[in-house]
Full PDB file with SEQRES, HELIX, SHEET, SSBOND, CRYST1, ORIGX, SCALE, CONECT and MASTER records, all heavy atoms in Angstrom:
SEQRES   1 A   45  GLY GLY SER PRO GLU ILE TYR PRO TRP THR ALA ASN GLY          
SEQRES   2 A   45  GLU PRO ALA VAL VAL ALA VAL LEU ASP GLY ARG VAL VAL          
SEQRES   3 A   45  GLY VAL MET CYS LEU GLU VAL THR ALA GLU GLY ILE ALA          
SEQRES   4 A   45  ALA PHE ARG ASN GLN VAL                                      
SHEET    1 AA1 4 GLU A   5  ALA A  11  0                                        
SHEET    2 AA1 4 GLU A  14  LEU A  21 -1                                        
SHEET    3 AA1 4 ARG A  24  THR A  34 -1                                        
SHEET    4 AA1 4 GLY A  37  GLN A  44 -1                                        
CRYST1    1.000    1.000    1.000  90.00  90.00  90.00 P 1           1          
ORIGX1      1.000000  0.000000  0.000000        0.00000                         
ORIGX2      0.000000  1.000000  0.000000        0.00000                         
ORIGX3      0.000000  0.000000  1.000000        0.00000                         
SCALE1      1.000000  0.000000  0.000000        0.00000                         
SCALE2      0.000000  1.000000  0.000000        0.00000                         
SCALE3      0.000000  0.000000  1.000000        0.00000                         
ATOM      1  N   GLY A   1      -3.342   4.554  16.646  1.00  0.00           N  
ATOM      2  CA  GLY A   1      -3.891   5.845  17.050  1.00  0.00           C  
ATOM      3  C   GLY A   1      -5.192   6.223  16.390  1.00  0.00           C  
ATOM      4  O   GLY A   1      -5.613   7.382  16.446  1.00  0.00           O  
ATOM      5  N   GLY A   2      -5.854   5.258  15.748  1.00  0.00           N  
ATOM      6  CA  GLY A   2      -7.136   5.556  15.104  1.00  0.00           C  
ATOM      7  C   GLY A   2      -7.393   4.628  13.940  1.00  0.00           C  
ATOM      8  O   GLY A   2      -6.754   3.574  13.813  1.00  0.00           O  
ATOM      9  N   SER A   3      -8.327   5.018  13.070  1.00  0.00           N  
ATOM     10  CA  SER A   3      -8.693   4.217  11.898  1.00  0.00           C  
ATOM     11  C   SER A   3      -8.178   4.917  10.638  1.00  0.00           C  
ATOM     12  O   SER A   3      -8.736   5.946  10.224  1.00  0.00           O  
ATOM     13  CB  SER A   3     -10.208   4.060  11.806  1.00  0.00           C  
ATOM     14  OG  SER A   3     -10.709   3.379  12.934  1.00  0.00           O  
ATOM     15  N   PRO A   4      -7.126   4.413  10.019  1.00  0.00           N  
ATOM     16  CA  PRO A   4      -6.563   5.082   8.848  1.00  0.00           C  
ATOM     17  C   PRO A   4      -7.454   4.982   7.614  1.00  0.00           C  
ATOM     18  O   PRO A   4      -8.211   4.026   7.451  1.00  0.00           O  
ATOM     19  CB  PRO A   4      -5.239   4.334   8.622  1.00  0.00           C  
ATOM     20  CG  PRO A   4      -5.461   2.993   9.221  1.00  0.00           C  
ATOM     21  CD  PRO A   4      -6.366   3.205  10.391  1.00  0.00           C  
ATOM     22  N   GLU A   5      -7.363   5.992   6.768  1.00  0.00           N  
ATOM     23  CA  GLU A   5      -8.050   5.977   5.477  1.00  0.00           C  
ATOM     24  C   GLU A   5      -7.193   5.184   4.487  1.00  0.00           C  
ATOM     25  O   GLU A   5      -5.965   5.289   4.489  1.00  0.00           O  
ATOM     26  CB  GLU A   5      -8.254   7.397   4.969  1.00  0.00           C  
ATOM     27  CG  GLU A   5      -9.145   8.242   5.874  1.00  0.00           C  
ATOM     28  CD  GLU A   5      -9.213   9.689   5.445  1.00  0.00           C  
ATOM     29  OE1 GLU A   5      -8.238  10.167   4.806  1.00  0.00           O  
ATOM     30  OE2 GLU A   5     -10.220  10.343   5.765  1.00  0.00           O  
ATOM     31  N   ILE A   6      -7.859   4.416   3.631  1.00  0.00           N  
ATOM     32  CA  ILE A   6      -7.152   3.534   2.702  1.00  0.00           C  
ATOM     33  C   ILE A   6      -7.361   4.013   1.260  1.00  0.00           C  
ATOM     34  O   ILE A   6      -8.495   4.239   0.829  1.00  0.00           O  
ATOM     35  CB  ILE A   6      -7.652   2.081   2.849  1.00  0.00           C  
ATOM     36  CG1 ILE A   6      -7.486   1.605   4.297  1.00  0.00           C  
ATOM     37  CG2 ILE A   6      -6.911   1.171   1.885  1.00  0.00           C  
ATOM     38  CD1 ILE A   6      -6.055   1.615   4.806  1.00  0.00           C  
ATOM     39  N   TYR A   7      -6.248   4.139   0.540  1.00  0.00           N  
ATOM     40  CA  TYR A   7      -6.285   4.625  -0.841  1.00  0.00           C  
ATOM     41  C   TYR A   7      -5.568   3.645  -1.778  1.00  0.00           C  
ATOM     42  O   TYR A   7      -4.488   3.142  -1.431  1.00  0.00           O  
ATOM     43  CB  TYR A   7      -5.563   5.968  -0.955  1.00  0.00           C  
ATOM     44  CG  TYR A   7      -6.184   7.115  -0.205  1.00  0.00           C  
ATOM     45  CD1 TYR A   7      -5.919   7.289   1.158  1.00  0.00           C  
ATOM     46  CD2 TYR A   7      -6.992   8.040  -0.848  1.00  0.00           C  
ATOM     47  CE1 TYR A   7      -6.471   8.358   1.854  1.00  0.00           C  
ATOM     48  CE2 TYR A   7      -7.541   9.113  -0.157  1.00  0.00           C  
ATOM     49  CZ  TYR A   7      -7.279   9.267   1.191  1.00  0.00           C  
ATOM     50  OH  TYR A   7      -7.821  10.323   1.877  1.00  0.00           O  
ATOM     51  N   PRO A   8      -6.124   3.405  -2.958  1.00  0.00           N  
ATOM     52  CA  PRO A   8      -5.350   2.701  -3.989  1.00  0.00           C  
ATOM     53  C   PRO A   8      -4.370   3.680  -4.626  1.00  0.00           C  
ATOM     54  O   PRO A   8      -4.738   4.817  -4.940  1.00  0.00           O  
ATOM     55  CB  PRO A   8      -6.440   2.256  -4.989  1.00  0.00           C  
ATOM     56  CG  PRO A   8      -7.561   3.224  -4.808  1.00  0.00           C  
ATOM     57  CD  PRO A   8      -7.500   3.704  -3.384  1.00  0.00           C  
ATOM     58  N   TRP A   9      -3.134   3.260  -4.813  1.00  0.00           N  
ATOM     59  CA  TRP A   9      -2.114   4.190  -5.304  1.00  0.00           C  
ATOM     60  C   TRP A   9      -1.032   3.415  -6.024  1.00  0.00           C  
ATOM     61  O   TRP A   9      -1.167   2.208  -6.257  1.00  0.00           O  
ATOM     62  CB  TRP A   9      -1.536   4.975  -4.121  1.00  0.00           C  
ATOM     63  CG  TRP A   9      -1.089   6.363  -4.477  1.00  0.00           C  
ATOM     64  CD1 TRP A   9       0.190   6.826  -4.567  1.00  0.00           C  
ATOM     65  CD2 TRP A   9      -1.944   7.466  -4.784  1.00  0.00           C  
ATOM     66  NE1 TRP A   9       0.177   8.155  -4.910  1.00  0.00           N  
ATOM     67  CE2 TRP A   9      -1.108   8.573  -5.049  1.00  0.00           C  
ATOM     68  CE3 TRP A   9      -3.338   7.620  -4.858  1.00  0.00           C  
ATOM     69  CZ2 TRP A   9      -1.619   9.826  -5.407  1.00  0.00           C  
ATOM     70  CZ3 TRP A   9      -3.842   8.868  -5.197  1.00  0.00           C  
ATOM     71  CH2 TRP A   9      -2.982   9.945  -5.475  1.00  0.00           C  
ATOM     72  N   THR A  10       0.045   4.097  -6.361  1.00  0.00           N  
ATOM     73  CA  THR A  10       1.243   3.408  -6.849  1.00  0.00           C  
ATOM     74  C   THR A  10       2.449   3.902  -6.056  1.00  0.00           C  
ATOM     75  O   THR A  10       2.519   5.069  -5.665  1.00  0.00           O  
ATOM     76  CB  THR A  10       1.506   3.650  -8.357  1.00  0.00           C  
ATOM     77  OG1 THR A  10       1.665   5.039  -8.595  1.00  0.00           O  
ATOM     78  CG2 THR A  10       0.381   3.102  -9.210  1.00  0.00           C  
ATOM     79  N   ALA A  11       3.376   2.997  -5.826  1.00  0.00           N  
ATOM     80  CA  ALA A  11       4.633   3.328  -5.152  1.00  0.00           C  
ATOM     81  C   ALA A  11       5.745   2.587  -5.870  1.00  0.00           C  
ATOM     82  O   ALA A  11       5.606   1.405  -6.174  1.00  0.00           O  
ATOM     83  CB  ALA A  11       4.589   2.919  -3.682  1.00  0.00           C  
ATOM     84  N   ASN A  12       6.821   3.285  -6.179  1.00  0.00           N  
ATOM     85  CA  ASN A  12       7.938   2.685  -6.921  1.00  0.00           C  
ATOM     86  C   ASN A  12       7.466   2.034  -8.216  1.00  0.00           C  
ATOM     87  O   ASN A  12       7.995   1.015  -8.645  1.00  0.00           O  
ATOM     88  CB  ASN A  12       8.686   1.680  -6.049  1.00  0.00           C  
ATOM     89  CG  ASN A  12       9.375   2.353  -4.881  1.00  0.00           C  
ATOM     90  OD1 ASN A  12       8.731   2.754  -3.908  1.00  0.00           O  
ATOM     91  ND2 ASN A  12      10.679   2.486  -4.963  1.00  0.00           N  
ATOM     92  N   GLY A  13       6.436   2.610  -8.815  1.00  0.00           N  
ATOM     93  CA  GLY A  13       5.937   2.119 -10.086  1.00  0.00           C  
ATOM     94  C   GLY A  13       5.070   0.885  -9.988  1.00  0.00           C  
ATOM     95  O   GLY A  13       4.646   0.343 -11.021  1.00  0.00           O  
ATOM     96  N   GLU A  14       4.771   0.427  -8.784  1.00  0.00           N  
ATOM     97  CA  GLU A  14       3.958  -0.773  -8.597  1.00  0.00           C  
ATOM     98  C   GLU A  14       2.621  -0.422  -7.950  1.00  0.00           C  
ATOM     99  O   GLU A  14       2.499   0.596  -7.267  1.00  0.00           O  
ATOM    100  CB  GLU A  14       4.696  -1.769  -7.695  1.00  0.00           C  
ATOM    101  CG  GLU A  14       5.981  -2.314  -8.282  1.00  0.00           C  
ATOM    102  CD  GLU A  14       6.689  -3.255  -7.319  1.00  0.00           C  
ATOM    103  OE1 GLU A  14       6.805  -2.927  -6.125  1.00  0.00           O  
ATOM    104  OE2 GLU A  14       7.128  -4.315  -7.769  1.00  0.00           O  
ATOM    105  N   PRO A  15       1.594  -1.280  -8.143  1.00  0.00           N  
ATOM    106  CA  PRO A  15       0.338  -1.072  -7.424  1.00  0.00           C  
ATOM    107  C   PRO A  15       0.606  -1.052  -5.924  1.00  0.00           C  
ATOM    108  O   PRO A  15       1.422  -1.822  -5.414  1.00  0.00           O  
ATOM    109  CB  PRO A  15      -0.499  -2.295  -7.816  1.00  0.00           C  
ATOM    110  CG  PRO A  15       0.080  -2.781  -9.099  1.00  0.00           C  
ATOM    111  CD  PRO A  15       1.552  -2.479  -9.011  1.00  0.00           C  
ATOM    112  N   ALA A  16      -0.083  -0.160  -5.215  1.00  0.00           N  
ATOM    113  CA  ALA A  16       0.167  -0.032  -3.783  1.00  0.00           C  
ATOM    114  C   ALA A  16      -1.099   0.398  -3.056  1.00  0.00           C  
ATOM    115  O   ALA A  16      -2.009   0.991  -3.629  1.00  0.00           O  
ATOM    116  CB  ALA A  16       1.278   0.981  -3.517  1.00  0.00           C  
ATOM    117  N   VAL A  17      -1.122   0.086  -1.774  1.00  0.00           N  
ATOM    118  CA  VAL A  17      -2.169   0.546  -0.870  1.00  0.00           C  
ATOM    119  C   VAL A  17      -1.522   1.529   0.097  1.00  0.00           C  
ATOM    120  O   VAL A  17      -0.501   1.213   0.707  1.00  0.00           O  
ATOM    121  CB  VAL A  17      -2.789  -0.640  -0.088  1.00  0.00           C  
ATOM    122  CG1 VAL A  17      -3.831  -0.123   0.905  1.00  0.00           C  
ATOM    123  CG2 VAL A  17      -3.401  -1.656  -1.034  1.00  0.00           C  
ATOM    124  N   VAL A  18      -2.104   2.713   0.216  1.00  0.00           N  
ATOM    125  CA  VAL A  18      -1.570   3.726   1.120  1.00  0.00           C  
ATOM    126  C   VAL A  18      -2.562   3.947   2.255  1.00  0.00           C  
ATOM    127  O   VAL A  18      -3.748   4.189   2.019  1.00  0.00           O  
ATOM    128  CB  VAL A  18      -1.303   5.056   0.387  1.00  0.00           C  
ATOM    129  CG1 VAL A  18      -0.820   6.122   1.366  1.00  0.00           C  
ATOM    130  CG2 VAL A  18      -0.264   4.855  -0.707  1.00  0.00           C  
ATOM    131  N   ALA A  19      -2.078   3.838   3.487  1.00  0.00           N  
ATOM    132  CA  ALA A  19      -2.905   4.072   4.678  1.00  0.00           C  
ATOM    133  C   ALA A  19      -2.515   5.417   5.275  1.00  0.00           C  
ATOM    134  O   ALA A  19      -1.330   5.668   5.530  1.00  0.00           O  
ATOM    135  CB  ALA A  19      -2.698   2.953   5.691  1.00  0.00           C  
ATOM    136  N   VAL A  20      -3.514   6.287   5.497  1.00  0.00           N  
ATOM    137  CA  VAL A  20      -3.256   7.650   5.956  1.00  0.00           C  
ATOM    138  C   VAL A  20      -4.104   7.942   7.186  1.00  0.00           C  
ATOM    139  O   VAL A  20      -5.315   7.686   7.197  1.00  0.00           O  
ATOM    140  CB  VAL A  20      -3.580   8.671   4.844  1.00  0.00           C  
ATOM    141  CG1 VAL A  20      -3.278  10.087   5.314  1.00  0.00           C  
ATOM    142  CG2 VAL A  20      -2.805   8.355   3.576  1.00  0.00           C  
ATOM    143  N   LEU A  21      -3.467   8.482   8.206  1.00  0.00           N  
ATOM    144  CA  LEU A  21      -4.163   8.844   9.440  1.00  0.00           C  
ATOM    145  C   LEU A  21      -3.841  10.298   9.773  1.00  0.00           C  
ATOM    146  O   LEU A  21      -2.681  10.641   9.995  1.00  0.00           O  
ATOM    147  CB  LEU A  21      -3.725   7.931  10.590  1.00  0.00           C  
ATOM    148  CG  LEU A  21      -4.399   8.167  11.941  1.00  0.00           C  
ATOM    149  CD1 LEU A  21      -5.894   7.878  11.862  1.00  0.00           C  
ATOM    150  CD2 LEU A  21      -3.755   7.300  13.018  1.00  0.00           C  
ATOM    151  N   ASP A  22      -4.882  11.128   9.760  1.00  0.00           N  
ATOM    152  CA  ASP A  22      -4.709  12.558  10.065  1.00  0.00           C  
ATOM    153  C   ASP A  22      -3.631  13.204   9.195  1.00  0.00           C  
ATOM    154  O   ASP A  22      -2.795  13.981   9.667  1.00  0.00           O  
ATOM    155  CB  ASP A  22      -4.367  12.751  11.549  1.00  0.00           C  
ATOM    156  CG  ASP A  22      -5.470  12.245  12.470  1.00  0.00           C  
ATOM    157  OD1 ASP A  22      -6.649  12.295  12.073  1.00  0.00           O  
ATOM    158  OD2 ASP A  22      -5.146  11.783  13.586  1.00  0.00           O  
ATOM    159  N   GLY A  23      -3.631  12.860   7.921  1.00  0.00           N  
ATOM    160  CA  GLY A  23      -2.683  13.436   6.975  1.00  0.00           C  
ATOM    161  C   GLY A  23      -1.307  12.815   6.975  1.00  0.00           C  
ATOM    162  O   GLY A  23      -0.456  13.193   6.172  1.00  0.00           O  
ATOM    163  N   ARG A  24      -1.079  11.846   7.847  1.00  0.00           N  
ATOM    164  CA  ARG A  24       0.231  11.193   7.951  1.00  0.00           C  
ATOM    165  C   ARG A  24       0.148   9.793   7.354  1.00  0.00           C  
ATOM    166  O   ARG A  24      -0.735   9.015   7.690  1.00  0.00           O  
ATOM    167  CB  ARG A  24       0.642  11.119   9.420  1.00  0.00           C  
ATOM    168  CG  ARG A  24       1.961  10.415   9.695  1.00  0.00           C  
ATOM    169  CD  ARG A  24       2.359  10.591  11.156  1.00  0.00           C  
ATOM    170  NE  ARG A  24       1.312  10.155  12.064  1.00  0.00           N  
ATOM    171  CZ  ARG A  24       1.204   8.920  12.551  1.00  0.00           C  
ATOM    172  NH1 ARG A  24       2.082   7.984  12.198  1.00  0.00           N  
ATOM    173  NH2 ARG A  24       0.230   8.618  13.390  1.00  0.00           N  
ATOM    174  N   VAL A  25       1.067   9.484   6.437  1.00  0.00           N  
ATOM    175  CA  VAL A  25       1.115   8.135   5.865  1.00  0.00           C  
ATOM    176  C   VAL A  25       1.633   7.185   6.938  1.00  0.00           C  
ATOM    177  O   VAL A  25       2.740   7.355   7.450  1.00  0.00           O  
ATOM    178  CB  VAL A  25       2.019   8.084   4.617  1.00  0.00           C  
ATOM    179  CG1 VAL A  25       2.176   6.641   4.124  1.00  0.00           C  
ATOM    180  CG2 VAL A  25       1.446   8.957   3.504  1.00  0.00           C  
ATOM    181  N   VAL A  26       0.821   6.191   7.283  1.00  0.00           N  
ATOM    182  CA  VAL A  26       1.206   5.251   8.337  1.00  0.00           C  
ATOM    183  C   VAL A  26       1.510   3.860   7.779  1.00  0.00           C  
ATOM    184  O   VAL A  26       1.933   2.974   8.530  1.00  0.00           O  
ATOM    185  CB  VAL A  26       0.117   5.159   9.420  1.00  0.00           C  
ATOM    186  CG1 VAL A  26      -0.020   6.477  10.160  1.00  0.00           C  
ATOM    187  CG2 VAL A  26      -1.235   4.734   8.826  1.00  0.00           C  
ATOM    188  N   GLY A  27       1.305   3.681   6.484  1.00  0.00           N  
ATOM    189  CA  GLY A  27       1.620   2.394   5.885  1.00  0.00           C  
ATOM    190  C   GLY A  27       1.563   2.469   4.369  1.00  0.00           C  
ATOM    191  O   GLY A  27       0.703   3.160   3.805  1.00  0.00           O  
ATOM    192  N   VAL A  28       2.499   1.811   3.718  1.00  0.00           N  
ATOM    193  CA  VAL A  28       2.477   1.666   2.260  1.00  0.00           C  
ATOM    194  C   VAL A  28       2.702   0.189   1.958  1.00  0.00           C  
ATOM    195  O   VAL A  28       3.747  -0.369   2.302  1.00  0.00           O  
ATOM    196  CB  VAL A  28       3.568   2.506   1.570  1.00  0.00           C  
ATOM    197  CG1 VAL A  28       3.529   2.271   0.057  1.00  0.00           C  
ATOM    198  CG2 VAL A  28       3.390   3.995   1.881  1.00  0.00           C  
ATOM    199  N   MET A  29       1.686  -0.429   1.351  1.00  0.00           N  
ATOM    200  CA  MET A  29       1.807  -1.840   0.984  1.00  0.00           C  
ATOM    201  C   MET A  29       1.977  -1.940  -0.529  1.00  0.00           C  
ATOM    202  O   MET A  29       1.091  -1.549  -1.291  1.00  0.00           O  
ATOM    203  CB  MET A  29       0.570  -2.630   1.418  1.00  0.00           C  
ATOM    204  CG  MET A  29       0.622  -4.101   1.019  1.00  0.00           C  
ATOM    205  SD  MET A  29      -0.908  -4.993   1.411  1.00  0.00           S  
ATOM    206  CE  MET A  29      -0.748  -5.143   3.196  1.00  0.00           C  
ATOM    207  N   CYS A  30       3.129  -2.444  -0.969  1.00  0.00           N  
ATOM    208  CA  CYS A  30       3.411  -2.604  -2.389  1.00  0.00           C  
ATOM    209  C   CYS A  30       3.054  -4.017  -2.836  1.00  0.00           C  
ATOM    210  O   CYS A  30       3.404  -4.998  -2.173  1.00  0.00           O  
ATOM    211  CB  CYS A  30       4.881  -2.323  -2.671  1.00  0.00           C  
ATOM    212  SG  CYS A  30       5.365  -0.620  -2.349  1.00  0.00           S  
ATOM    213  N   LEU A  31       2.355  -4.115  -3.964  1.00  0.00           N  
ATOM    214  CA  LEU A  31       1.927  -5.400  -4.506  1.00  0.00           C  
ATOM    215  C   LEU A  31       2.814  -5.774  -5.686  1.00  0.00           C  
ATOM    216  O   LEU A  31       2.998  -4.966  -6.614  1.00  0.00           O  
ATOM    217  CB  LEU A  31       0.472  -5.336  -4.977  1.00  0.00           C  
ATOM    218  CG  LEU A  31      -0.650  -5.383  -3.938  1.00  0.00           C  
ATOM    219  CD1 LEU A  31      -0.572  -4.212  -2.963  1.00  0.00           C  
ATOM    220  CD2 LEU A  31      -2.014  -5.396  -4.632  1.00  0.00           C  
ATOM    221  N   GLU A  32       3.369  -6.958  -5.657  1.00  0.00           N  
ATOM    222  CA  GLU A  32       4.148  -7.456  -6.791  1.00  0.00           C  
ATOM    223  C   GLU A  32       3.231  -8.289  -7.675  1.00  0.00           C  
ATOM    224  O   GLU A  32       2.732  -9.329  -7.261  1.00  0.00           O  
ATOM    225  CB  GLU A  32       5.327  -8.300  -6.316  1.00  0.00           C  
ATOM    226  CG  GLU A  32       6.194  -8.805  -7.461  1.00  0.00           C  
ATOM    227  CD  GLU A  32       7.337  -9.682  -7.004  1.00  0.00           C  
ATOM    228  OE1 GLU A  32       7.645  -9.687  -5.797  1.00  0.00           O  
ATOM    229  OE2 GLU A  32       7.929 -10.383  -7.856  1.00  0.00           O  
ATOM    230  N   VAL A  33       3.015  -7.825  -8.900  1.00  0.00           N  
ATOM    231  CA  VAL A  33       2.059  -8.454  -9.806  1.00  0.00           C  
ATOM    232  C   VAL A  33       2.797  -9.253 -10.874  1.00  0.00           C  
ATOM    233  O   VAL A  33       3.734  -8.761 -11.506  1.00  0.00           O  
ATOM    234  CB  VAL A  33       1.160  -7.394 -10.465  1.00  0.00           C  
ATOM    235  CG1 VAL A  33       0.179  -8.040 -11.434  1.00  0.00           C  
ATOM    236  CG2 VAL A  33       0.402  -6.602  -9.405  1.00  0.00           C  
ATOM    237  N   THR A  34       2.364 -10.494 -11.076  1.00  0.00           N  
ATOM    238  CA  THR A  34       2.896 -11.344 -12.143  1.00  0.00           C  
ATOM    239  C   THR A  34       1.731 -11.799 -13.018  1.00  0.00           C  
ATOM    240  O   THR A  34       0.562 -11.543 -12.712  1.00  0.00           O  
ATOM    241  CB  THR A  34       3.612 -12.580 -11.579  1.00  0.00           C  
ATOM    242  OG1 THR A  34       2.628 -13.467 -11.015  1.00  0.00           O  
ATOM    243  CG2 THR A  34       4.614 -12.195 -10.502  1.00  0.00           C  
ATOM    244  N   ALA A  35       2.054 -12.491 -14.106  1.00  0.00           N  
ATOM    245  CA  ALA A  35       1.008 -12.991 -14.995  1.00  0.00           C  
ATOM    246  C   ALA A  35       0.107 -13.991 -14.287  1.00  0.00           C  
ATOM    247  O   ALA A  35      -1.056 -14.179 -14.662  1.00  0.00           O  
ATOM    248  CB  ALA A  35       1.645 -13.633 -16.233  1.00  0.00           C  
ATOM    249  N   GLU A  36       0.626 -14.652 -13.244  1.00  0.00           N  
ATOM    250  CA  GLU A  36      -0.152 -15.672 -12.519  1.00  0.00           C  
ATOM    251  C   GLU A  36      -1.000 -15.081 -11.401  1.00  0.00           C  
ATOM    252  O   GLU A  36      -1.857 -15.758 -10.843  1.00  0.00           O  
ATOM    253  CB  GLU A  36       0.781 -16.730 -11.926  1.00  0.00           C  
ATOM    254  CG  GLU A  36       1.462 -17.632 -12.952  1.00  0.00           C  
ATOM    255  CD  GLU A  36       2.579 -16.910 -13.684  1.00  0.00           C  
ATOM    256  OE1 GLU A  36       3.266 -16.079 -13.042  1.00  0.00           O  
ATOM    257  OE2 GLU A  36       2.748 -17.141 -14.892  1.00  0.00           O  
ATOM    258  N   GLY A  37      -0.757 -13.828 -11.048  1.00  0.00           N  
ATOM    259  CA  GLY A  37      -1.500 -13.213  -9.953  1.00  0.00           C  
ATOM    260  C   GLY A  37      -0.583 -12.359  -9.087  1.00  0.00           C  
ATOM    261  O   GLY A  37       0.565 -12.087  -9.443  1.00  0.00           O  
ATOM    262  N   ILE A  38      -1.078 -11.946  -7.926  1.00  0.00           N  
ATOM    263  CA  ILE A  38      -0.272 -11.146  -7.004  1.00  0.00           C  
ATOM    264  C   ILE A  38       0.653 -12.084  -6.242  1.00  0.00           C  
ATOM    265  O   ILE A  38       0.204 -12.999  -5.557  1.00  0.00           O  
ATOM    266  CB  ILE A  38      -1.162 -10.362  -6.026  1.00  0.00           C  
ATOM    267  CG1 ILE A  38      -2.140  -9.460  -6.792  1.00  0.00           C  
ATOM    268  CG2 ILE A  38      -0.300  -9.508  -5.094  1.00  0.00           C  
ATOM    269  CD1 ILE A  38      -3.163  -8.777  -5.910  1.00  0.00           C  
ATOM    270  N   ALA A  39       1.957 -11.841  -6.377  1.00  0.00           N  
ATOM    271  CA  ALA A  39       2.947 -12.774  -5.825  1.00  0.00           C  
ATOM    272  C   ALA A  39       3.491 -12.347  -4.470  1.00  0.00           C  
ATOM    273  O   ALA A  39       4.017 -13.174  -3.728  1.00  0.00           O  
ATOM    274  CB  ALA A  39       4.102 -12.950  -6.801  1.00  0.00           C  
ATOM    275  N   ALA A  40       3.387 -11.051  -4.155  1.00  0.00           N  
ATOM    276  CA  ALA A  40       3.963 -10.594  -2.894  1.00  0.00           C  
ATOM    277  C   ALA A  40       3.305  -9.304  -2.428  1.00  0.00           C  
ATOM    278  O   ALA A  40       2.897  -8.468  -3.238  1.00  0.00           O  
ATOM    279  CB  ALA A  40       5.472 -10.376  -3.039  1.00  0.00           C  
ATOM    280  N   PHE A  41       3.206  -9.188  -1.112  1.00  0.00           N  
ATOM    281  CA  PHE A  41       2.755  -7.961  -0.459  1.00  0.00           C  
ATOM    282  C   PHE A  41       3.874  -7.543   0.491  1.00  0.00           C  
ATOM    283  O   PHE A  41       4.232  -8.288   1.400  1.00  0.00           O  
ATOM    284  CB  PHE A  41       1.467  -8.202   0.335  1.00  0.00           C  
ATOM    285  CG  PHE A  41       0.305  -8.658  -0.498  1.00  0.00           C  
ATOM    286  CD1 PHE A  41       0.154  -9.999  -0.826  1.00  0.00           C  
ATOM    287  CD2 PHE A  41      -0.641  -7.748  -0.958  1.00  0.00           C  
ATOM    288  CE1 PHE A  41      -0.911 -10.425  -1.597  1.00  0.00           C  
ATOM    289  CE2 PHE A  41      -1.717  -8.166  -1.724  1.00  0.00           C  
ATOM    290  CZ  PHE A  41      -1.854  -9.499  -2.048  1.00  0.00           C  
ATOM    291  N   ARG A  42       4.410  -6.346   0.268  1.00  0.00           N  
ATOM    292  CA  ARG A  42       5.482  -5.848   1.124  1.00  0.00           C  
ATOM    293  C   ARG A  42       4.987  -4.570   1.783  1.00  0.00           C  
ATOM    294  O   ARG A  42       4.748  -3.565   1.114  1.00  0.00           O  
ATOM    295  CB  ARG A  42       6.759  -5.621   0.308  1.00  0.00           C  
ATOM    296  CG  ARG A  42       7.305  -6.918  -0.303  1.00  0.00           C  
ATOM    297  CD  ARG A  42       8.581  -6.688  -1.106  1.00  0.00           C  
ATOM    298  NE  ARG A  42       9.117  -7.958  -1.595  1.00  0.00           N  
ATOM    299  CZ  ARG A  42       8.839  -8.482  -2.784  1.00  0.00           C  
ATOM    300  NH1 ARG A  42       8.018  -7.840  -3.613  1.00  0.00           N  
ATOM    301  NH2 ARG A  42       9.347  -9.645  -3.154  1.00  0.00           N  
ATOM    302  N   ASN A  43       4.845  -4.627   3.101  1.00  0.00           N  
ATOM    303  CA  ASN A  43       4.165  -3.570   3.834  1.00  0.00           C  
ATOM    304  C   ASN A  43       5.154  -2.776   4.681  1.00  0.00           C  
ATOM    305  O   ASN A  43       5.753  -3.317   5.611  1.00  0.00           O  
ATOM    306  CB  ASN A  43       3.081  -4.193   4.727  1.00  0.00           C  
ATOM    307  CG  ASN A  43       2.133  -3.157   5.280  1.00  0.00           C  
ATOM    308  OD1 ASN A  43       1.971  -2.081   4.725  1.00  0.00           O  
ATOM    309  ND2 ASN A  43       1.490  -3.486   6.381  1.00  0.00           N  
ATOM    310  N   GLN A  44       5.340  -1.499   4.335  1.00  0.00           N  
ATOM    311  CA  GLN A  44       6.245  -0.640   5.097  1.00  0.00           C  
ATOM    312  C   GLN A  44       5.427   0.173   6.107  1.00  0.00           C  
ATOM    313  O   GLN A  44       4.601   1.006   5.732  1.00  0.00           O  
ATOM    314  CB  GLN A  44       6.986   0.313   4.150  1.00  0.00           C  
ATOM    315  CG  GLN A  44       8.014   1.205   4.835  1.00  0.00           C  
ATOM    316  CD  GLN A  44       9.043   0.428   5.624  1.00  0.00           C  
ATOM    317  OE1 GLN A  44       8.925   0.304   6.854  1.00  0.00           O  
ATOM    318  NE2 GLN A  44      10.043  -0.131   4.930  1.00  0.00           N  
ATOM    319  N   VAL A  45       5.658  -0.086   7.396  1.00  0.00           N  
ATOM    320  CA  VAL A  45       4.938   0.643   8.450  1.00  0.00           C  
ATOM    321  C   VAL A  45       5.883   1.302   9.451  1.00  0.00           C  
ATOM    322  O   VAL A  45       5.432   1.907  10.415  1.00  0.00           O  
ATOM    323  CB  VAL A  45       3.938  -0.285   9.196  1.00  0.00           C  
ATOM    324  CG1 VAL A  45       2.806  -0.690   8.282  1.00  0.00           C  
ATOM    325  CG2 VAL A  45       4.640  -1.528   9.762  1.00  0.00           C  
TER     326      VAL A  45                                                      
MASTER        0    0    0    0    4    0    0    6  325    1    0    4          
END                                                                             
């Protein structure tokens, strides 16, 4: 329905990307961080 705004944030205590469209959260991507790098991206839409 448009182009969402992207914000760096935290969700469940982890680094996360929040996508917002017209004030409505349309996606939350949680990043799983390990000593070796980012191991997983879990995207709730």
